N, C-alpha and C. Protein backbone atom coordinates (compact mmCIF):
# COMPACT_ATOMS: atom_id res chain seq x y z
N UNK A 1 91.83 -46.22 176.26
CA UNK A 1 91.98 -46.63 174.89
C UNK A 1 92.37 -45.42 174.02
N UNK A 2 91.76 -44.27 174.30
CA UNK A 2 92.10 -43.08 173.53
C UNK A 2 93.54 -42.67 173.78
N UNK A 3 94.00 -42.88 174.99
CA UNK A 3 95.38 -42.50 175.32
C UNK A 3 96.37 -43.31 174.49
N UNK A 4 96.13 -44.64 174.36
CA UNK A 4 97.02 -45.47 173.56
C UNK A 4 97.03 -45.01 172.11
N UNK A 5 95.85 -44.67 171.60
CA UNK A 5 95.76 -44.19 170.21
C UNK A 5 96.52 -42.89 170.05
N UNK A 6 96.38 -41.99 171.02
CA UNK A 6 97.06 -40.69 170.94
C UNK A 6 98.58 -40.86 171.03
N UNK A 7 99.06 -41.87 171.76
CA UNK A 7 100.49 -42.12 171.85
C UNK A 7 101.04 -42.63 170.51
N UNK A 8 100.22 -43.32 169.77
CA UNK A 8 100.67 -43.91 168.49
C UNK A 8 100.58 -42.93 167.32
N UNK A 9 99.78 -41.88 167.45
CA UNK A 9 99.60 -40.92 166.35
C UNK A 9 100.93 -40.31 165.90
N UNK A 10 101.81 -39.83 166.81
CA UNK A 10 103.08 -39.27 166.34
C UNK A 10 103.91 -40.29 165.55
N UNK A 11 103.93 -41.54 166.01
CA UNK A 11 104.67 -42.57 165.29
C UNK A 11 104.09 -42.80 163.90
N UNK A 12 102.77 -42.83 163.81
CA UNK A 12 102.13 -43.03 162.50
C UNK A 12 102.45 -41.86 161.57
N UNK A 13 102.45 -40.65 162.11
CA UNK A 13 102.75 -39.48 161.29
C UNK A 13 104.19 -39.55 160.76
N UNK A 14 105.11 -39.99 161.60
CA UNK A 14 106.51 -40.13 161.17
C UNK A 14 106.59 -41.15 160.04
N UNK A 15 105.90 -42.27 160.18
CA UNK A 15 105.92 -43.30 159.14
C UNK A 15 105.32 -42.77 157.84
N UNK A 16 104.21 -42.05 157.95
CA UNK A 16 103.56 -41.50 156.75
C UNK A 16 104.47 -40.50 156.05
N UNK A 17 105.09 -39.61 156.81
CA UNK A 17 105.99 -38.61 156.22
C UNK A 17 107.19 -39.29 155.58
N UNK A 18 107.75 -40.29 156.26
CA UNK A 18 108.91 -41.00 155.71
C UNK A 18 108.54 -41.71 154.41
N UNK A 19 107.41 -42.39 154.38
CA UNK A 19 106.98 -43.08 153.15
C UNK A 19 106.76 -42.09 152.02
N UNK A 20 106.16 -40.97 152.34
CA UNK A 20 105.92 -39.95 151.31
C UNK A 20 107.23 -39.42 150.75
N UNK A 21 108.20 -39.15 151.62
CA UNK A 21 109.49 -38.64 151.17
C UNK A 21 110.21 -39.65 150.30
N UNK A 22 110.17 -40.92 150.69
CA UNK A 22 110.82 -41.96 149.89
C UNK A 22 110.19 -42.05 148.52
N UNK A 23 108.88 -42.01 148.45
CA UNK A 23 108.20 -42.11 147.16
C UNK A 23 108.52 -40.93 146.26
N UNK A 24 108.60 -39.74 146.84
CA UNK A 24 108.90 -38.55 146.04
C UNK A 24 110.34 -38.59 145.52
N UNK A 25 111.25 -39.15 146.30
CA UNK A 25 112.65 -39.15 145.91
C UNK A 25 113.02 -40.28 144.96
N UNK A 26 112.14 -41.24 144.75
CA UNK A 26 112.46 -42.34 143.85
C UNK A 26 112.66 -41.82 142.43
N UNK A 27 113.73 -42.22 141.77
CA UNK A 27 113.94 -41.75 140.39
C UNK A 27 112.97 -42.44 139.45
N UNK A 28 112.68 -41.75 138.35
CA UNK A 28 111.77 -42.34 137.36
C UNK A 28 112.47 -43.44 136.57
N UNK A 29 113.72 -43.26 136.29
CA UNK A 29 114.47 -44.27 135.54
C UNK A 29 115.87 -44.35 136.13
N UNK A 30 116.46 -45.50 136.06
CA UNK A 30 117.81 -45.63 136.60
C UNK A 30 118.78 -45.91 135.47
N UNK A 31 120.02 -45.51 135.69
CA UNK A 31 121.06 -45.72 134.70
C UNK A 31 121.51 -47.18 134.72
N UNK A 32 122.09 -47.61 133.62
CA UNK A 32 122.59 -48.97 133.50
C UNK A 32 124.10 -48.96 133.58
N UNK A 33 124.65 -49.90 134.32
CA UNK A 33 126.10 -50.10 134.35
C UNK A 33 126.39 -51.29 133.44
N UNK A 34 127.05 -51.01 132.32
CA UNK A 34 127.37 -52.04 131.35
C UNK A 34 128.77 -52.57 131.61
N UNK A 35 128.91 -53.86 131.85
CA UNK A 35 130.23 -54.47 131.94
C UNK A 35 130.67 -54.76 130.52
N UNK A 36 131.66 -54.02 130.06
CA UNK A 36 132.11 -54.13 128.66
C UNK A 36 132.61 -55.55 128.40
N UNK A 37 132.01 -56.18 127.40
CA UNK A 37 132.37 -57.56 127.06
C UNK A 37 131.65 -58.60 127.87
N UNK A 38 130.75 -58.19 128.76
CA UNK A 38 130.02 -59.15 129.59
C UNK A 38 130.98 -59.96 130.44
N UNK A 39 130.83 -61.28 130.43
CA UNK A 39 131.68 -62.16 131.24
C UNK A 39 133.13 -62.19 130.76
N UNK A 40 133.36 -61.85 129.51
CA UNK A 40 134.73 -61.86 128.97
C UNK A 40 135.55 -60.66 129.44
N UNK A 41 134.85 -59.58 129.80
CA UNK A 41 135.56 -58.38 130.23
C UNK A 41 136.28 -57.69 129.08
N UNK A 42 137.22 -56.85 129.42
CA UNK A 42 138.02 -56.08 128.45
C UNK A 42 139.26 -56.91 128.18
N UNK A 43 139.24 -57.65 127.06
CA UNK A 43 140.24 -58.66 126.80
C UNK A 43 140.52 -58.75 125.31
N UNK A 44 141.60 -59.41 124.94
CA UNK A 44 141.93 -59.59 123.53
C UNK A 44 141.07 -60.70 122.93
N UNK A 45 141.09 -60.74 121.61
CA UNK A 45 140.39 -61.78 120.84
C UNK A 45 138.90 -61.84 121.17
N UNK A 46 138.29 -60.68 121.25
CA UNK A 46 136.86 -60.60 121.51
C UNK A 46 136.30 -59.51 120.61
N UNK A 47 135.15 -59.72 120.03
CA UNK A 47 134.55 -58.75 119.11
C UNK A 47 133.60 -57.84 119.89
N UNK A 48 134.07 -56.66 120.23
CA UNK A 48 133.27 -55.72 121.00
C UNK A 48 132.19 -55.05 120.16
N UNK A 49 132.38 -55.01 118.85
CA UNK A 49 131.33 -54.49 117.97
C UNK A 49 130.10 -55.38 118.05
N UNK A 50 130.33 -56.68 118.02
CA UNK A 50 129.23 -57.63 118.14
C UNK A 50 128.59 -57.53 119.52
N UNK A 51 129.40 -57.38 120.56
CA UNK A 51 128.86 -57.26 121.91
C UNK A 51 127.96 -56.04 122.04
N UNK A 52 128.37 -54.91 121.45
CA UNK A 52 127.61 -53.66 121.58
C UNK A 52 126.38 -53.62 120.68
N UNK A 53 126.38 -54.46 119.65
CA UNK A 53 125.27 -54.44 118.68
C UNK A 53 123.96 -54.79 119.38
N UNK A 54 122.96 -53.99 119.12
CA UNK A 54 121.64 -54.23 119.70
C UNK A 54 121.46 -53.64 121.09
N UNK A 55 122.53 -53.16 121.69
CA UNK A 55 122.41 -52.53 123.01
C UNK A 55 122.14 -51.04 122.82
N UNK A 56 121.39 -50.49 123.73
CA UNK A 56 121.10 -49.06 123.69
C UNK A 56 121.80 -48.41 124.88
N UNK A 57 122.70 -47.50 124.56
CA UNK A 57 123.45 -46.78 125.59
C UNK A 57 122.84 -45.40 125.73
N UNK A 58 122.46 -45.06 126.96
CA UNK A 58 121.79 -43.80 127.20
C UNK A 58 122.63 -42.89 128.09
N UNK A 59 122.34 -41.60 127.97
CA UNK A 59 123.00 -40.60 128.80
C UNK A 59 122.82 -40.99 130.27
N UNK A 60 123.91 -40.90 131.02
CA UNK A 60 123.99 -41.24 132.45
C UNK A 60 124.18 -42.73 132.72
N UNK A 61 124.31 -43.56 131.66
CA UNK A 61 124.73 -44.95 131.86
C UNK A 61 126.21 -44.95 132.19
N UNK A 62 126.77 -46.12 132.52
CA UNK A 62 128.17 -46.26 132.86
C UNK A 62 128.75 -47.45 132.11
N UNK A 63 130.00 -47.33 131.70
CA UNK A 63 130.72 -48.47 131.15
C UNK A 63 131.69 -48.94 132.24
N UNK A 64 131.71 -50.24 132.47
CA UNK A 64 132.57 -50.83 133.48
C UNK A 64 133.56 -51.74 132.77
N UNK A 65 134.83 -51.36 132.79
CA UNK A 65 135.90 -52.12 132.13
C UNK A 65 136.61 -52.98 133.18
N UNK A 66 136.66 -54.29 132.95
CA UNK A 66 137.35 -55.22 133.84
C UNK A 66 138.45 -55.88 133.02
N UNK A 67 139.72 -55.77 133.48
CA UNK A 67 140.84 -56.26 132.68
C UNK A 67 142.06 -56.51 133.56
N UNK A 68 143.10 -57.07 132.93
CA UNK A 68 144.37 -57.32 133.63
C UNK A 68 145.09 -55.98 133.78
N UNK A 69 145.15 -55.49 134.99
CA UNK A 69 145.72 -54.15 135.25
C UNK A 69 147.21 -54.06 134.95
N UNK A 70 147.89 -55.18 134.91
CA UNK A 70 149.33 -55.16 134.66
C UNK A 70 149.67 -55.05 133.18
N UNK A 71 148.71 -55.29 132.31
CA UNK A 71 149.01 -55.30 130.88
C UNK A 71 148.21 -54.30 130.06
N UNK A 72 146.94 -54.08 130.40
CA UNK A 72 146.05 -53.34 129.54
C UNK A 72 145.64 -52.00 130.15
N UNK A 73 144.94 -51.22 129.35
CA UNK A 73 144.43 -49.95 129.83
C UNK A 73 143.16 -49.58 129.08
N UNK A 74 142.56 -48.46 129.45
CA UNK A 74 141.34 -47.97 128.81
C UNK A 74 141.59 -46.53 128.40
N UNK A 75 141.62 -46.31 127.09
CA UNK A 75 141.86 -44.97 126.56
C UNK A 75 140.68 -44.54 125.70
N UNK A 76 140.24 -43.32 125.91
CA UNK A 76 139.21 -42.75 125.04
C UNK A 76 139.93 -41.94 123.97
N UNK A 77 139.58 -42.22 122.71
CA UNK A 77 140.24 -41.57 121.58
C UNK A 77 139.19 -41.03 120.62
N UNK A 78 139.65 -40.28 119.62
CA UNK A 78 138.73 -39.81 118.59
C UNK A 78 138.52 -40.91 117.54
N UNK A 79 137.64 -40.68 116.60
CA UNK A 79 137.29 -41.70 115.62
C UNK A 79 138.49 -42.11 114.76
N UNK A 80 139.29 -41.16 114.35
CA UNK A 80 140.46 -41.46 113.52
C UNK A 80 141.44 -42.37 114.26
N UNK A 81 141.75 -42.03 115.51
CA UNK A 81 142.66 -42.86 116.31
C UNK A 81 142.05 -44.21 116.66
N UNK A 82 140.74 -44.26 116.77
CA UNK A 82 140.06 -45.54 116.99
C UNK A 82 140.26 -46.46 115.79
N UNK A 83 140.02 -45.91 114.61
CA UNK A 83 140.14 -46.72 113.38
C UNK A 83 141.57 -47.18 113.12
N UNK A 84 142.56 -46.36 113.51
CA UNK A 84 143.96 -46.71 113.26
C UNK A 84 144.65 -47.33 114.48
N UNK A 85 143.93 -47.50 115.58
CA UNK A 85 144.49 -48.02 116.84
C UNK A 85 145.67 -47.18 117.34
N UNK A 86 145.57 -45.88 117.20
CA UNK A 86 146.62 -44.96 117.63
C UNK A 86 146.32 -44.50 119.06
N UNK A 87 147.18 -44.87 119.99
CA UNK A 87 146.98 -44.51 121.39
C UNK A 87 147.90 -43.38 121.86
N UNK A 88 148.57 -42.71 120.91
CA UNK A 88 149.55 -41.68 121.28
C UNK A 88 148.94 -40.46 121.97
N UNK A 89 147.77 -40.01 121.51
CA UNK A 89 147.16 -38.79 122.07
C UNK A 89 145.71 -39.06 122.47
N UNK A 90 145.49 -39.78 123.56
CA UNK A 90 144.10 -40.07 123.95
C UNK A 90 143.38 -38.82 124.42
N UNK A 91 142.08 -38.80 124.22
CA UNK A 91 141.25 -37.72 124.76
C UNK A 91 141.20 -37.82 126.28
N UNK A 92 141.18 -39.07 126.76
CA UNK A 92 141.13 -39.29 128.20
C UNK A 92 141.68 -40.68 128.51
N UNK A 93 142.49 -40.77 129.52
CA UNK A 93 143.00 -42.05 130.00
C UNK A 93 142.18 -42.43 131.23
N UNK A 94 141.30 -43.42 131.08
CA UNK A 94 140.42 -43.82 132.17
C UNK A 94 141.07 -44.85 133.10
N UNK A 95 142.29 -45.23 132.80
CA UNK A 95 142.97 -46.25 133.57
C UNK A 95 143.32 -45.74 134.97
N UNK A 96 142.85 -46.47 135.98
CA UNK A 96 143.14 -46.07 137.36
C UNK A 96 144.22 -46.95 137.99
N UNK A 97 144.53 -48.06 137.33
CA UNK A 97 145.53 -48.97 137.86
C UNK A 97 144.96 -50.14 138.63
N UNK A 98 143.64 -50.15 138.80
CA UNK A 98 143.00 -51.23 139.56
C UNK A 98 142.49 -52.35 138.65
N UNK A 99 142.40 -52.07 137.34
CA UNK A 99 141.85 -53.08 136.43
C UNK A 99 140.34 -53.13 136.47
N UNK A 100 139.74 -52.14 137.07
CA UNK A 100 138.28 -52.04 137.15
C UNK A 100 137.93 -50.56 137.04
N UNK A 101 137.75 -50.13 135.81
CA UNK A 101 137.53 -48.71 135.57
C UNK A 101 136.10 -48.44 135.12
N UNK A 102 135.56 -47.35 135.63
CA UNK A 102 134.19 -46.96 135.32
C UNK A 102 134.22 -45.66 134.54
N UNK A 103 133.50 -45.65 133.42
CA UNK A 103 133.43 -44.46 132.57
C UNK A 103 131.98 -43.98 132.54
N UNK A 104 131.73 -42.76 133.02
CA UNK A 104 130.36 -42.23 132.96
C UNK A 104 130.05 -41.74 131.54
N UNK A 105 128.90 -42.11 131.06
CA UNK A 105 128.46 -41.66 129.74
C UNK A 105 127.49 -40.50 129.96
N UNK A 106 128.05 -39.34 130.25
CA UNK A 106 127.20 -38.21 130.64
C UNK A 106 126.94 -37.20 129.54
N UNK A 107 127.34 -37.53 128.31
CA UNK A 107 127.09 -36.65 127.16
C UNK A 107 126.56 -37.51 126.01
N UNK A 108 125.56 -37.02 125.30
CA UNK A 108 125.06 -37.76 124.15
C UNK A 108 125.98 -37.49 122.96
N UNK A 109 126.70 -38.54 122.57
CA UNK A 109 127.65 -38.44 121.46
C UNK A 109 128.21 -39.82 121.18
N UNK A 110 129.12 -39.91 120.22
CA UNK A 110 129.85 -41.16 119.96
C UNK A 110 131.08 -41.21 120.87
N UNK A 111 131.31 -42.38 121.43
CA UNK A 111 132.48 -42.62 122.28
C UNK A 111 133.33 -43.69 121.60
N UNK A 112 134.65 -43.53 121.67
CA UNK A 112 135.59 -44.49 121.09
C UNK A 112 136.62 -44.85 122.16
N UNK A 113 136.73 -46.15 122.46
CA UNK A 113 137.68 -46.62 123.46
C UNK A 113 138.59 -47.67 122.85
N UNK A 114 139.86 -47.62 123.24
CA UNK A 114 140.83 -48.63 122.81
C UNK A 114 141.71 -48.98 124.00
N UNK A 115 142.41 -50.10 123.86
CA UNK A 115 143.48 -50.41 124.80
C UNK A 115 144.77 -50.20 124.05
N UNK A 116 145.68 -49.46 124.66
CA UNK A 116 146.97 -49.21 124.03
C UNK A 116 147.89 -50.41 124.15
N UNK A 117 149.17 -50.17 124.02
CA UNK A 117 150.20 -51.20 124.16
C UNK A 117 150.01 -52.32 123.13
N UNK A 118 149.40 -51.99 121.99
CA UNK A 118 149.23 -52.97 120.92
C UNK A 118 148.00 -53.85 121.04
N UNK A 119 147.29 -53.80 122.16
CA UNK A 119 146.12 -54.67 122.34
C UNK A 119 144.95 -54.28 121.45
N UNK A 120 144.91 -53.04 121.01
CA UNK A 120 143.85 -52.61 120.11
C UNK A 120 143.85 -53.46 118.84
N UNK A 121 145.03 -53.80 118.36
CA UNK A 121 145.13 -54.63 117.15
C UNK A 121 144.58 -56.04 117.37
N UNK A 122 144.51 -56.46 118.63
CA UNK A 122 143.93 -57.76 118.97
C UNK A 122 142.43 -57.67 119.23
N UNK A 123 141.84 -56.52 118.91
CA UNK A 123 140.39 -56.37 119.03
C UNK A 123 139.90 -55.58 120.21
N UNK A 124 140.81 -55.08 121.04
CA UNK A 124 140.38 -54.34 122.23
C UNK A 124 140.06 -52.89 121.88
N UNK A 125 138.90 -52.75 121.24
CA UNK A 125 138.40 -51.41 120.92
C UNK A 125 136.89 -51.51 120.78
N UNK A 126 136.25 -50.43 121.20
CA UNK A 126 134.79 -50.40 121.13
C UNK A 126 134.33 -48.98 120.82
N UNK A 127 133.34 -48.89 119.95
CA UNK A 127 132.71 -47.61 119.62
C UNK A 127 131.23 -47.74 119.99
N UNK A 128 130.74 -46.74 120.70
CA UNK A 128 129.33 -46.76 121.07
C UNK A 128 128.71 -45.39 120.82
N UNK A 129 127.43 -45.39 120.61
CA UNK A 129 126.68 -44.14 120.46
C UNK A 129 125.78 -43.99 121.68
N UNK A 130 125.89 -42.85 122.35
CA UNK A 130 125.09 -42.57 123.54
C UNK A 130 123.99 -41.59 123.14
N UNK A 131 122.78 -41.94 123.51
CA UNK A 131 121.63 -41.11 123.16
C UNK A 131 120.84 -40.76 124.41
N UNK A 132 119.93 -39.82 124.27
CA UNK A 132 119.05 -39.47 125.38
C UNK A 132 118.07 -40.59 125.62
N UNK A 133 117.68 -40.75 126.87
CA UNK A 133 116.70 -41.74 127.23
C UNK A 133 115.37 -41.37 126.56
N UNK A 134 114.72 -42.32 125.90
CA UNK A 134 113.45 -41.96 125.26
C UNK A 134 112.41 -41.62 126.31
N UNK A 135 111.43 -40.79 125.95
CA UNK A 135 110.40 -40.44 126.94
C UNK A 135 109.60 -41.69 127.30
N UNK A 136 109.06 -41.71 128.51
CA UNK A 136 108.27 -42.87 128.91
C UNK A 136 107.02 -42.97 128.03
N UNK A 137 106.53 -44.17 127.83
CA UNK A 137 105.33 -44.30 127.00
C UNK A 137 104.15 -43.62 127.67
N UNK A 138 103.32 -43.05 126.86
CA UNK A 138 102.13 -42.38 127.39
C UNK A 138 101.13 -43.44 127.81
N UNK A 139 100.48 -43.18 128.92
CA UNK A 139 99.48 -44.12 129.40
C UNK A 139 98.30 -44.13 128.45
N UNK A 140 97.88 -45.30 128.06
CA UNK A 140 96.73 -45.37 127.18
C UNK A 140 95.48 -45.16 128.02
N UNK A 141 94.50 -44.49 127.46
CA UNK A 141 93.29 -44.21 128.24
C UNK A 141 92.52 -45.50 128.53
N UNK A 142 91.87 -45.51 129.67
CA UNK A 142 91.03 -46.64 130.04
C UNK A 142 89.64 -46.35 129.50
N UNK A 143 89.17 -47.22 128.65
CA UNK A 143 87.86 -47.00 128.03
C UNK A 143 86.84 -47.89 128.71
N UNK A 144 85.79 -47.26 129.23
CA UNK A 144 84.72 -48.00 129.87
C UNK A 144 83.82 -48.60 128.81
N UNK A 145 83.34 -49.82 129.05
CA UNK A 145 82.45 -50.44 128.08
C UNK A 145 81.10 -49.75 128.05
N UNK A 146 80.69 -49.15 129.17
CA UNK A 146 79.37 -48.53 129.24
C UNK A 146 79.35 -47.16 128.58
N UNK A 147 80.47 -46.45 128.61
CA UNK A 147 80.50 -45.11 128.03
C UNK A 147 81.72 -44.98 127.15
N UNK A 148 81.77 -43.86 126.45
CA UNK A 148 82.92 -43.61 125.60
C UNK A 148 83.88 -42.62 126.23
N UNK A 149 83.67 -42.27 127.50
CA UNK A 149 84.59 -41.35 128.17
C UNK A 149 85.86 -42.09 128.56
N UNK A 150 86.94 -41.34 128.67
CA UNK A 150 88.22 -41.94 129.05
C UNK A 150 88.62 -41.42 130.41
N UNK A 151 89.35 -42.26 131.13
CA UNK A 151 89.83 -41.90 132.45
C UNK A 151 91.31 -42.23 132.53
N UNK A 152 92.11 -41.26 132.98
CA UNK A 152 93.52 -41.52 133.23
C UNK A 152 93.86 -40.99 134.61
N UNK A 153 94.83 -41.59 135.23
CA UNK A 153 95.29 -41.13 136.54
C UNK A 153 96.69 -40.57 136.34
N UNK A 154 96.85 -39.30 136.62
CA UNK A 154 98.15 -38.66 136.43
C UNK A 154 99.15 -39.16 137.46
N UNK A 155 100.43 -38.99 137.14
CA UNK A 155 101.46 -39.43 138.08
C UNK A 155 101.42 -38.60 139.36
N UNK A 156 101.01 -37.33 139.26
CA UNK A 156 100.88 -36.50 140.46
C UNK A 156 99.80 -37.05 141.37
N UNK A 157 98.68 -37.47 140.77
CA UNK A 157 97.60 -38.05 141.55
C UNK A 157 98.08 -39.34 142.21
N UNK A 158 98.85 -40.14 141.48
CA UNK A 158 99.36 -41.39 142.04
C UNK A 158 100.29 -41.12 143.22
N UNK A 159 101.13 -40.09 143.11
CA UNK A 159 102.07 -39.76 144.18
C UNK A 159 101.31 -39.31 145.42
N UNK A 160 100.21 -38.60 145.24
CA UNK A 160 99.42 -38.14 146.37
C UNK A 160 98.58 -39.28 146.93
N UNK A 161 98.01 -40.09 146.06
CA UNK A 161 97.10 -41.15 146.46
C UNK A 161 97.80 -42.26 147.24
N UNK A 162 98.98 -42.63 146.85
CA UNK A 162 99.68 -43.74 147.49
C UNK A 162 99.96 -43.48 148.98
N UNK A 163 100.49 -42.33 149.37
CA UNK A 163 100.69 -42.09 150.81
C UNK A 163 99.37 -42.08 151.58
N UNK A 164 98.31 -41.61 150.95
CA UNK A 164 97.01 -41.61 151.63
C UNK A 164 96.57 -43.04 151.91
N UNK A 165 96.77 -43.92 150.93
CA UNK A 165 96.42 -45.32 151.13
C UNK A 165 97.25 -45.92 152.26
N UNK A 166 98.57 -45.60 152.29
CA UNK A 166 99.41 -46.08 153.38
C UNK A 166 98.93 -45.53 154.73
N UNK A 167 98.54 -44.27 154.75
CA UNK A 167 98.09 -43.66 156.00
C UNK A 167 96.81 -44.34 156.50
N UNK A 168 95.91 -44.61 155.58
CA UNK A 168 94.66 -45.28 155.97
C UNK A 168 94.98 -46.67 156.52
N UNK A 169 95.89 -47.37 155.83
CA UNK A 169 96.27 -48.71 156.29
C UNK A 169 96.93 -48.67 157.66
N UNK A 170 97.83 -47.71 157.87
CA UNK A 170 98.52 -47.60 159.17
C UNK A 170 97.52 -47.24 160.27
N UNK A 171 96.58 -46.36 159.98
CA UNK A 171 95.57 -45.97 160.96
C UNK A 171 94.70 -47.17 161.30
N UNK A 172 94.27 -47.88 160.28
CA UNK A 172 93.44 -49.06 160.50
C UNK A 172 94.20 -50.09 161.34
N UNK A 173 95.46 -50.32 161.03
CA UNK A 173 96.28 -51.27 161.78
C UNK A 173 96.39 -50.84 163.25
N UNK A 174 96.61 -49.55 163.48
CA UNK A 174 96.72 -49.05 164.85
C UNK A 174 95.39 -49.22 165.58
N UNK A 175 94.30 -48.97 164.88
CA UNK A 175 92.99 -49.11 165.48
C UNK A 175 92.71 -50.57 165.85
N UNK A 176 93.03 -51.49 164.96
CA UNK A 176 92.83 -52.92 165.21
C UNK A 176 93.68 -53.38 166.39
N UNK A 177 94.92 -52.90 166.48
CA UNK A 177 95.80 -53.30 167.58
C UNK A 177 95.29 -52.80 168.93
N UNK A 178 94.59 -51.68 168.95
CA UNK A 178 94.06 -51.15 170.20
C UNK A 178 92.86 -51.93 170.68
N UNK A 179 92.11 -52.46 169.75
CA UNK A 179 90.87 -53.16 170.12
C UNK A 179 91.10 -54.55 170.56
């Protein structure tokens, strides 16, 4: 019986290490990929100001433009060219020719996008403000009814505690399977 347990120990250690590594590598927050215009995509006769209203765009989010690749494009311009629909000197041409272009929002600032070829006059323009992700909310202290002391569990403690719980569970499972 001890031999079977000893054969399983290396496997359990591999599982524990793998689980720990996965937990440590998990990001705290993930970026959002926004499909510009939702189901309508990047198209004429659509109010992109209304679409963007109430949305929060954060650093490291992405804008996904879906449009007719044979007619339209995605140009990043300055505020003046955005307001006048001037596509002569774009800051960046995001058009790849596939009709599915992704723009990384990797700087906190105002972004202005238009479609050239006259489509901007039909409403194909959007201005967004990109901001830093707000800090996560602070954990409120747990107040015991019996005392006035507070207890909080730090994220470091949680990261350490979770693999230990998995290890105990895996060990218990291995022990039960042997018996």
